[in-house]
C-alpha cells in the first residue's frame, strides 16, 4: 500500500471498530453479526471480511482496543506518587474518556462483559491482554514504602492484592451502566465524587469495621433441591460467563447431568429461563436488603450487613446473582424492564446510606453515587473467584466489602486503624 492507501485503510478500520463496538455493546458478541456492522459502515459483508474475516476476529479487535485504552490510563495514573492520586487519576481519566465518547471525540469502547465467551485462539490473545491490563491496575494500588507512615510499608496478602484491583477496575468500568443519567457536562463532577468515595470509603471518621457482621441467617438454610432451582443457578452462571445470547441450553443441562429434553420439560424457552433468573436475583437482593434494613444498629452497621450478606450469597451454594452485564444482549422489550427493576433495587442501598449520614455513622457524600458503587461492588463479586482463588463467604468481607466501605486509600491517620479493623497485616 502507498501512504494514501494506508491512511484510508486505517481510517476505515477505525470506523469499523467504532461501529462494531457499539453493535457488540448493544447485542453482545453472540448476538452481533458482521452483516449488520457492514451495513452501518456502508460496506458489503464480503468487503468487511477483508478487514476482519470472522466475527470473533472483529470482536477481539474491539476488546483489544478497549484494553489498550484502559492500559494507557494506567500508565498515566501510575506516575502519580500516592495511591489516592493514582486512583483519582485513573477514575478521572476513564470518566473523561466517557465524556469524549459522548461528544464524538473518542471512538466507542467495547465493554468487557463477554470476554469469557470467546473461544481459542481469540480467548488466549484477549485473555492474556486483559490479564496484563489487570496487573497494571494492580500496580496503581501498591503503596510506596513511606505512604502509610510506618517507614516500611505494609504487607498485604496475595488475595487482597487481587481483590482490590478487581474492585477498582469493576467500579470504574461499571460507570457504563449508570452514567447516562447525567448530562455530559456533569460527568467530571460525578467522576470526582465517585473517586472520593472509592478512595475514602463511606465510614465516618472513628467508625469501626464490625468484624462480627454476619451473613443473613436465612442464607444458612440448605439450598433447595428442586430441579427448577438447580436450573436457575446453572443458568445464572452460564449467562454471567457467556451473556444472554451466548448462554447454551446444552451447557446448562450438562452442568446438571440432564438431557436437553429435560430442560424443555421445565422451561418452554431460554428466554423464559433467563427471565426467571432475573426475578430470582431481584428477590434475593430485596430479601437481604430488607433483612439488613430491619436489623438493629446504625446505618453503617445495616449497610455493612446488607453488603456482607449479598457478597456471601454470591459465593455460597445459593449463588451467584445474575450480573447486570446480562442486560447488554437482552431483547429490546425485555431489556428496559429488567434494567428499570435492577436500578430501583440498586438504589435501595441509598436509603441505608442516608440513614447512616443522618445518624453520623457515614460521612456526607453523594448518596446516589454511593448507592451505585455499592451495587457495582455486589455485581463485581459474581466474578471475583476468577481473580481471587480461595475466596469464601467468610473472608470476602475483609477482602472485598471492607475496601469498598472503608476506602481503597483513606488518609494516613485512618489507614492503620482500618487495616487493624479489617484483620489485615500492617
Protein backbone atom coordinates (compact mmCIF):
# COMPACT_ATOMS: atom_id res chain seq x y z
CA UNK A 1 0.00 0.00 0.00
CA UNK A 2 1.14 3.59 -0.64
CA UNK A 3 0.80 6.28 2.02
CA UNK A 4 -2.68 7.41 1.00
CA UNK A 5 -3.96 3.86 0.74
CA UNK A 6 -2.56 3.05 4.17
CA UNK A 7 -4.26 6.09 5.71
CA UNK A 8 -7.58 5.19 4.07
CA UNK A 9 -7.26 1.61 5.26
CA UNK A 10 -6.56 2.70 8.83
CA UNK A 11 -9.39 5.24 8.81
CA UNK A 12 -11.86 2.65 7.55
CA UNK A 13 -10.62 0.11 10.09
CA UNK A 14 -11.12 2.62 12.93
CA UNK A 15 -14.64 3.33 11.69
CA UNK A 16 -15.38 -0.39 11.59
CA UNK A 17 -14.10 -0.84 15.15
CA UNK A 18 -16.16 2.11 16.38
CA UNK A 19 -19.38 0.83 14.81
CA UNK A 20 -18.66 -2.75 15.85
CA UNK A 21 -18.01 -1.80 19.48
CA UNK A 22 -21.41 -0.07 19.65
CA UNK A 23 -23.04 -3.06 17.96
CA UNK A 24 -21.49 -5.64 20.29
CA UNK A 25 -22.21 -3.49 23.37
CA UNK A 26 -25.88 -3.49 22.44
CA UNK A 27 -26.33 -7.04 21.12
CA UNK A 28 -23.50 -8.99 22.71
CA UNK A 29 -20.80 -10.86 20.83
CA UNK A 30 -23.03 -13.84 20.15
CA UNK A 31 -25.95 -11.66 19.06
CA UNK A 32 -23.87 -9.39 16.82
CA UNK A 33 -23.36 -10.02 13.11
CA UNK A 34 -20.79 -8.97 10.54
CA UNK A 35 -23.62 -8.22 8.12
CA UNK A 36 -25.16 -5.60 10.40
CA UNK A 37 -21.80 -3.95 11.12
CA UNK A 38 -21.07 -3.87 7.37
CA UNK A 39 -24.47 -2.31 6.67
CA UNK A 40 -23.92 0.53 9.13
CA UNK A 41 -20.37 1.14 7.88
CA UNK A 42 -21.61 1.16 4.28
CA UNK A 43 -19.75 -1.91 3.08
CA UNK A 44 -20.78 -5.23 1.62
CA UNK A 45 -20.21 -8.06 4.07
CA UNK A 46 -17.56 -9.52 1.76
CA UNK A 47 -15.72 -6.18 1.83
CA UNK A 48 -15.80 -6.12 5.64
CA UNK A 49 -14.18 -9.56 5.76
CA UNK A 50 -11.16 -8.01 4.00
CA UNK A 51 -10.50 -6.25 7.30
CA UNK A 52 -11.83 -8.92 9.70
CA UNK A 53 -12.54 -12.35 8.19
CA UNK A 54 -14.70 -13.61 11.08
CA UNK A 55 -16.95 -12.10 13.71
CA UNK A 56 -14.66 -13.19 16.55
CA UNK A 57 -11.72 -11.50 14.78
CA UNK A 58 -13.69 -8.25 14.87
CA UNK A 59 -14.94 -8.71 18.44
CA UNK A 60 -11.40 -9.49 19.64
CA UNK A 61 -10.04 -6.40 17.90
CA UNK A 62 -12.68 -4.26 19.63
CA UNK A 63 -11.84 -5.73 23.02
CA UNK A 64 -8.08 -5.37 22.49
CA UNK A 65 -8.53 -1.71 21.61
CA UNK A 66 -10.54 -1.16 24.82
CA UNK A 67 -7.92 -2.99 26.85
CA UNK A 68 -5.22 -0.80 25.32
CA UNK A 69 -7.17 2.35 26.24
CA UNK A 70 -7.52 1.28 29.89
CA UNK A 71 -3.85 0.27 29.96
CA UNK A 72 -2.92 3.74 28.72
CA UNK A 73 -4.91 5.28 31.57
CA UNK A 74 -2.98 3.07 34.00
CA UNK A 75 0.35 4.16 32.50
CA UNK A 76 -0.60 7.79 33.07
CA UNK A 77 -2.02 7.27 36.56
CA UNK A 78 0.90 5.20 37.87
CA UNK A 79 3.14 8.27 37.52
CA UNK A 80 1.35 9.82 40.48
CA UNK A 81 3.25 9.47 43.79
CA UNK A 82 0.43 8.26 46.08
CA UNK A 83 -2.22 5.56 45.80
CA UNK A 84 -5.04 8.08 46.30
CA UNK A 85 -3.67 10.26 43.49
CA UNK A 86 -3.33 7.28 41.17
CA UNK A 87 -6.88 6.15 41.81
CA UNK A 88 -8.19 9.68 41.27
CA UNK A 89 -6.22 9.99 38.03
CA UNK A 90 -7.39 6.59 36.77
CA UNK A 91 -11.07 7.17 37.56
CA UNK A 92 -10.94 10.71 36.22
CA UNK A 93 -9.25 9.55 33.03
CA UNK A 94 -11.89 6.91 32.44
CA UNK A 95 -14.72 9.38 33.01
CA UNK A 96 -13.01 11.86 30.65
CA UNK A 97 -12.91 9.10 28.04
CA UNK A 98 -16.65 8.51 28.51
CA UNK A 99 -17.23 12.24 28.08
CA UNK A 100 -15.21 12.29 24.87
CA UNK A 101 -17.11 9.26 23.57
CA UNK A 102 -20.36 11.11 24.21
CA UNK A 103 -19.01 14.19 22.39
CA UNK A 104 -17.77 12.13 19.46
CA UNK A 105 -14.13 12.93 20.25
CA UNK A 106 -13.17 9.37 21.17
CA UNK A 107 -14.19 6.10 19.50
CA UNK A 108 -16.61 3.81 21.29
CA UNK A 109 -15.02 1.27 23.61
CA UNK A 110 -16.24 -2.32 23.82
CA UNK A 111 -17.34 -3.38 27.29
CA UNK A 112 -15.65 -6.38 28.88
CA UNK A 113 -18.84 -8.27 29.75
CA UNK A 114 -18.31 -11.22 27.44
CA UNK A 115 -14.55 -11.69 27.38
CA UNK A 116 -15.04 -15.24 28.64
CA UNK A 117 -17.41 -16.07 25.80
CA UNK A 118 -14.53 -16.03 23.29
CA UNK A 119 -13.06 -19.31 22.11
CA UNK A 120 -9.43 -20.18 21.21
CA UNK A 121 -7.32 -18.71 19.76
CA UNK A 122 -9.09 -15.39 20.41
CA UNK A 123 -9.71 -16.20 24.07
CA UNK A 124 -5.98 -16.78 24.56
CA UNK A 125 -4.97 -13.48 22.96
CA UNK A 126 -7.62 -11.34 24.60
CA UNK A 127 -7.29 -13.17 27.91
CA UNK A 128 -3.54 -12.51 28.03
CA UNK A 129 -4.05 -8.83 27.21
CA UNK A 130 -6.79 -8.49 29.84
CA UNK A 131 -4.59 -10.13 32.48
CA UNK A 132 -1.75 -7.74 31.62
CA UNK A 133 -4.17 -4.80 31.97
CA UNK A 134 -5.30 -6.17 35.33
CA UNK A 135 -1.68 -6.21 36.52
CA UNK A 136 -1.37 -2.56 35.52
CA UNK A 137 -4.46 -1.71 37.59
CA UNK A 138 -2.97 -3.67 40.48
CA UNK A 139 0.21 -1.59 40.26
CA UNK A 140 -1.84 1.55 40.94
CA UNK A 141 -2.72 0.23 44.41
CA UNK A 142 0.75 -0.68 45.59
CA UNK A 143 1.68 1.82 48.33
CA UNK A 144 5.10 3.45 48.39
CA UNK A 145 7.30 2.48 51.38
CA UNK A 146 6.51 5.56 53.48
CA UNK A 147 2.95 6.21 52.32
CA UNK A 148 1.28 4.71 55.38
CA UNK A 149 3.58 6.46 57.80
CA UNK A 150 5.09 3.16 59.01
CA UNK A 151 8.53 3.61 57.47
CA UNK A 152 8.41 0.15 55.96
CA UNK A 153 5.17 -0.04 54.07
CA UNK A 154 2.59 -2.71 54.63
CA UNK A 155 2.47 -6.34 53.72
CA UNK A 156 -0.80 -7.37 52.15
CA UNK A 157 -1.66 -10.96 51.33
CA UNK A 158 -1.95 -12.14 47.74
CA UNK A 159 -5.72 -12.42 47.86
CA UNK A 160 -6.03 -8.77 48.85
CA UNK A 161 -3.59 -7.78 46.10
CA UNK A 162 -6.03 -9.21 43.55
CA UNK A 163 -9.33 -8.37 45.25
CA UNK A 164 -8.59 -4.64 45.45
CA UNK A 165 -7.73 -4.08 41.75
CA UNK A 166 -10.74 -6.18 40.74
CA UNK A 167 -12.84 -3.82 42.84
CA UNK A 168 -11.27 -0.67 41.37
CA UNK A 169 -11.49 -1.88 37.76
CA UNK A 170 -15.06 -3.11 38.21
CA UNK A 171 -16.32 0.07 39.87
CA UNK A 172 -14.67 2.22 37.21
CA UNK A 173 -15.97 0.32 34.19
CA UNK A 174 -19.35 -0.07 35.95
CA UNK A 175 -19.96 3.59 35.14
CA UNK A 176 -21.07 2.49 31.67
CA UNK A 177 -24.20 1.06 33.32
CA UNK A 178 -25.36 4.22 35.10
CA UNK A 179 -23.55 7.39 33.98
CA UNK A 180 -26.12 8.05 31.28
CA UNK A 181 -28.36 9.54 33.99
CA UNK A 182 -26.08 12.60 33.97
CA UNK A 183 -25.63 15.34 31.41
CA UNK A 184 -22.27 15.14 29.65
CA UNK A 185 -21.18 18.41 31.23
CA UNK A 186 -21.78 16.88 34.67
CA UNK A 187 -19.64 13.77 34.08
CA UNK A 188 -16.50 15.38 35.51
CA UNK A 189 -18.18 16.36 38.78
CA UNK A 190 -19.80 12.92 39.13
CA UNK A 191 -16.41 11.32 38.47
CA UNK A 192 -14.76 13.41 41.18
CA UNK A 193 -17.43 12.41 43.71
CA UNK A 194 -17.12 8.79 42.66
CA UNK A 195 -13.32 8.84 43.06
CA UNK A 196 -13.67 10.40 46.52
CA UNK A 197 -15.89 7.53 47.67
CA UNK A 198 -13.63 4.86 46.16
CA UNK A 199 -10.59 6.41 47.84
CA UNK A 200 -12.03 7.35 51.22
CA UNK A 201 -14.94 4.96 51.63
CA UNK A 202 -18.23 5.70 53.32
CA UNK A 203 -17.48 5.30 57.03
CA UNK A 204 -17.44 8.45 59.14
CA UNK A 205 -14.16 9.20 60.99
CA UNK A 206 -13.78 6.99 64.02
CA UNK A 207 -16.38 4.43 62.91
CA UNK A 208 -15.05 0.92 63.23
CA UNK A 209 -15.45 -2.01 60.88
CA UNK A 210 -17.64 -4.60 62.59
CA UNK A 211 -15.82 -7.90 62.11
CA UNK A 212 -18.79 -9.68 63.71
CA UNK A 213 -21.15 -8.71 60.87
CA UNK A 214 -22.85 -11.94 59.97
CA UNK A 215 -24.49 -13.34 56.91
CA UNK A 216 -28.25 -13.04 56.97
CA UNK A 217 -29.50 -16.10 58.92
CA UNK A 218 -31.68 -17.45 56.12
CA UNK A 219 -28.58 -17.94 53.96
CA UNK A 220 -27.53 -20.72 56.30
CA UNK A 221 -30.53 -22.75 55.20
CA UNK A 222 -29.93 -25.61 52.75
CA UNK A 223 -30.19 -24.92 49.03
CA UNK A 224 -33.46 -26.05 47.54
CA UNK A 225 -33.07 -29.48 45.99
CA UNK A 226 -35.64 -28.78 43.28
CA UNK A 227 -34.68 -29.19 39.65
CA UNK A 228 -36.12 -25.75 38.94
CA UNK A 229 -33.80 -24.05 41.43
CA UNK A 230 -30.82 -26.03 40.12
CA UNK A 231 -31.64 -24.86 36.58
CA UNK A 232 -31.78 -21.26 37.74
CA UNK A 233 -28.40 -21.44 39.46
CA UNK A 234 -26.79 -23.16 36.46
CA UNK A 235 -28.36 -20.73 34.00
CA UNK A 236 -27.21 -17.74 36.04
CA UNK A 237 -23.61 -18.98 35.97
CA UNK A 238 -23.88 -19.59 32.22
CA UNK A 239 -25.28 -16.12 31.45
CA UNK A 240 -22.69 -14.46 33.70
CA UNK A 241 -19.87 -16.05 31.69
CA UNK A 242 -21.32 -16.05 28.17
CA UNK A 243 -24.05 -13.42 28.07
CA UNK A 244 -27.70 -13.89 27.17
CA UNK A 245 -27.09 -14.75 23.52
CA UNK A 246 -24.13 -16.98 24.25
CA UNK A 247 -25.83 -18.97 27.00
CA UNK A 248 -26.19 -22.55 25.85
CA UNK A 249 -29.06 -24.84 26.78
CA UNK A 250 -26.70 -27.77 26.20
CA UNK A 251 -24.12 -26.44 28.68
CA UNK A 252 -26.80 -25.61 31.26
CA UNK A 253 -28.21 -29.12 31.01
CA UNK A 254 -24.73 -30.67 31.08
CA UNK A 255 -23.91 -28.89 34.35
CA UNK A 256 -26.84 -30.73 35.91
CA UNK A 257 -26.17 -34.02 34.12
CA UNK A 258 -29.55 -33.76 32.46
CA UNK A 259 -30.64 -34.01 28.85
CA UNK A 260 -31.68 -31.11 26.66
CA UNK A 261 -35.15 -32.64 26.71
CA UNK A 262 -35.24 -32.30 30.49
CA UNK A 263 -34.55 -28.60 30.09
CA UNK A 264 -37.55 -28.08 27.83
CA UNK A 265 -39.68 -30.11 30.22
CA UNK A 266 -39.15 -27.35 32.80
CA UNK A 267 -38.85 -24.30 30.51
CA UNK A 268 -40.51 -23.70 27.18
CA UNK A 269 -37.79 -21.29 26.05
CA UNK A 270 -34.39 -19.98 27.09
CA UNK A 271 -35.99 -16.54 27.32
CA UNK A 272 -38.38 -17.82 29.99
CA UNK A 273 -35.50 -19.29 31.98
CA UNK A 274 -33.41 -16.09 31.86
CA UNK A 275 -36.43 -14.05 32.97
CA UNK A 276 -36.76 -16.37 35.96
CA UNK A 277 -33.03 -15.89 36.71
CA UNK A 278 -33.52 -12.12 36.83
CA UNK A 279 -36.51 -12.46 39.15
CA UNK A 280 -34.55 -14.80 41.42
CA UNK A 281 -31.71 -12.25 41.62
CA UNK A 282 -34.09 -9.37 42.33
CA UNK A 283 -35.83 -11.33 45.08
CA UNK A 284 -32.55 -12.32 46.76
CA UNK A 285 -31.38 -8.70 46.76
CA UNK A 286 -34.68 -7.42 48.12
CA UNK A 287 -34.74 -10.06 50.86
CA UNK A 288 -31.22 -9.36 52.10
CA UNK A 289 -31.67 -5.59 51.84
CA UNK A 290 -34.91 -5.78 53.82
CA UNK A 291 -33.36 -8.02 56.49
CA UNK A 292 -30.44 -5.62 56.88
CA UNK A 293 -32.67 -2.53 56.91
CA UNK A 294 -34.82 -4.08 59.66
CA UNK A 295 -31.87 -5.05 61.84
CA UNK A 296 -30.74 -3.00 64.87
CA UNK A 297 -27.86 -0.56 64.92
CA UNK A 298 -26.64 2.39 62.90
CA UNK A 299 -26.96 3.00 59.18
CA UNK A 300 -23.30 1.95 58.86
CA UNK A 301 -23.96 -1.38 60.57
CA UNK A 302 -27.06 -2.07 58.49
CA UNK A 303 -25.26 -1.17 55.26
CA UNK A 304 -22.38 -3.45 56.21
CA UNK A 305 -24.79 -6.32 56.89
CA UNK A 306 -26.51 -5.83 53.53
CA UNK A 307 -23.20 -5.78 51.66
CA UNK A 308 -21.69 -8.71 53.53
CA UNK A 309 -24.90 -10.71 53.14
CA UNK A 310 -25.10 -10.18 49.37
CA UNK A 311 -21.42 -10.90 48.73
CA UNK A 312 -21.71 -14.01 50.89
CA UNK A 313 -24.73 -15.03 48.81
CA UNK A 314 -22.69 -14.63 45.62
CA UNK A 315 -20.04 -17.02 46.93
CA UNK A 316 -22.36 -19.50 48.63
CA UNK A 317 -24.09 -22.52 47.19
CA UNK A 318 -27.15 -20.28 46.79
CA UNK A 319 -25.34 -18.03 44.32
CA UNK A 320 -24.42 -16.40 42.15
CA UNK A 321 -26.59 -13.41 41.41
CA UNK A 322 -27.10 -12.52 37.79
CA UNK A 323 -24.56 -9.92 36.66
CA UNK A 324 -26.02 -6.67 35.42
CA UNK A 325 -23.94 -7.09 32.26
CA UNK A 326 -26.57 -9.63 31.21
CA UNK A 327 -28.62 -6.60 30.11
CA UNK A 328 -26.40 -5.87 27.13
CA UNK A 329 -27.74 -8.57 24.85
CA UNK A 330 -31.29 -8.92 26.11
CA UNK A 331 -34.10 -8.49 23.59
CA UNK A 332 -35.19 -4.85 23.49
CA UNK A 333 -38.61 -5.40 25.09
CA UNK A 334 -37.07 -7.35 27.97
CA UNK A 335 -34.02 -5.15 28.49
CA UNK A 336 -35.68 -1.94 29.61
CA UNK A 337 -37.96 -3.60 32.14
CA UNK A 338 -35.11 -5.55 33.72
CA UNK A 339 -32.86 -2.50 33.76
CA UNK A 340 -35.52 -0.38 35.47
CA UNK A 341 -36.05 -3.02 38.14
CA UNK A 342 -32.32 -3.51 38.75
CA UNK A 343 -31.86 0.26 39.00
CA UNK A 344 -34.62 0.50 41.60
CA UNK A 345 -33.27 -2.43 43.59
CA UNK A 346 -29.77 -0.95 43.50
CA UNK A 347 -30.96 2.44 44.63
CA UNK A 348 -32.44 0.87 47.77
CA UNK A 349 -28.89 0.97 49.14
CA UNK A 350 -29.33 4.74 49.09
CA UNK A 351 -31.84 4.56 51.95
CA UNK A 352 -29.31 2.79 54.19
CA UNK A 353 -26.68 5.36 53.23
CA UNK A 354 -28.95 8.31 54.01
CA UNK A 355 -29.80 6.74 57.38
CA UNK A 356 -26.10 6.44 58.14
CA UNK A 357 -25.43 10.07 57.19
CA UNK A 358 -28.33 11.15 59.38
CA UNK A 359 -27.05 9.29 62.45
CA UNK A 360 -23.43 10.30 61.80
CA UNK A 361 -22.07 6.79 61.16
CA UNK A 362 -21.46 7.52 57.46
CA UNK A 363 -19.71 10.58 56.13
CA UNK A 364 -21.54 13.08 53.95
CA UNK A 365 -21.28 12.16 50.28
CA UNK A 366 -23.41 11.89 47.15
CA UNK A 367 -25.75 9.09 48.26
CA UNK A 368 -26.91 8.35 44.71
CA UNK A 369 -23.36 7.72 43.52
CA UNK A 370 -22.55 5.82 46.71
CA UNK A 371 -25.54 3.51 46.11
CA UNK A 372 -24.37 2.85 42.56
CA UNK A 373 -20.87 1.98 43.76
CA UNK A 374 -22.21 -0.37 46.43
CA UNK A 375 -24.38 -2.03 43.80
CA UNK A 376 -21.37 -2.24 41.49
CA UNK A 377 -19.33 -3.95 44.21
CA UNK A 378 -22.09 -6.52 44.72
CA UNK A 379 -22.25 -7.08 40.96
CA UNK A 380 -18.46 -7.50 40.71
CA UNK A 381 -18.48 -10.17 43.41
CA UNK A 382 -20.14 -12.53 40.92
CA UNK A 383 -16.82 -13.00 39.13
CA UNK A 384 -14.29 -12.34 41.87
CA UNK A 385 -13.49 -16.04 42.14
CA UNK A 386 -11.76 -15.79 38.75
CA UNK A 387 -9.27 -13.32 40.28
CA UNK A 388 -9.10 -14.38 43.91
CA UNK A 389 -8.91 -18.17 44.19
CA UNK A 390 -9.92 -19.50 47.56
CA UNK A 391 -12.23 -16.63 48.40
CA UNK A 392 -15.01 -17.72 50.74
CA UNK A 393 -18.07 -16.10 52.29
CA UNK A 394 -16.03 -15.88 55.49
CA UNK A 395 -13.08 -13.86 54.15
CA UNK A 396 -14.86 -11.96 51.36
CA UNK A 397 -16.00 -9.28 53.81
CA UNK A 398 -12.42 -8.44 54.75
CA UNK A 399 -11.02 -8.70 51.24
CA UNK A 400 -13.76 -7.13 49.15
CA UNK A 401 -16.51 -5.43 51.14
CA UNK A 402 -14.22 -3.60 53.58
CA UNK A 403 -12.13 -1.87 50.87
CA UNK A 404 -15.37 -0.58 49.34
CA UNK A 405 -16.88 0.72 52.58
CA UNK A 406 -13.64 1.85 54.26
CA UNK A 407 -11.90 3.08 51.09
CA UNK A 408 -9.00 1.88 48.97
CA UNK A 409 -6.70 4.65 50.17
CA UNK A 410 -8.14 6.59 53.13
CA UNK A 411 -5.98 9.25 54.86
CA UNK A 412 -2.83 8.04 56.58
CA UNK A 413 -4.15 8.68 60.09
CA UNK A 414 -7.17 6.48 59.34
CA UNK A 415 -5.43 3.70 57.44
CA UNK A 416 -3.65 1.98 60.29
CA UNK A 417 -6.88 1.68 62.23
CA UNK A 418 -8.74 0.47 59.15
CA UNK A 419 -6.07 -2.14 58.50
CA UNK A 420 -6.28 -3.41 62.03
CA UNK A 421 -10.06 -3.40 62.00
CA UNK A 422 -10.13 -5.46 58.81
CA UNK A 423 -7.72 -8.02 60.15
CA UNK A 424 -5.04 -7.23 57.53
CA UNK A 425 -1.37 -7.27 58.34
CA UNK A 426 0.21 -3.85 58.64
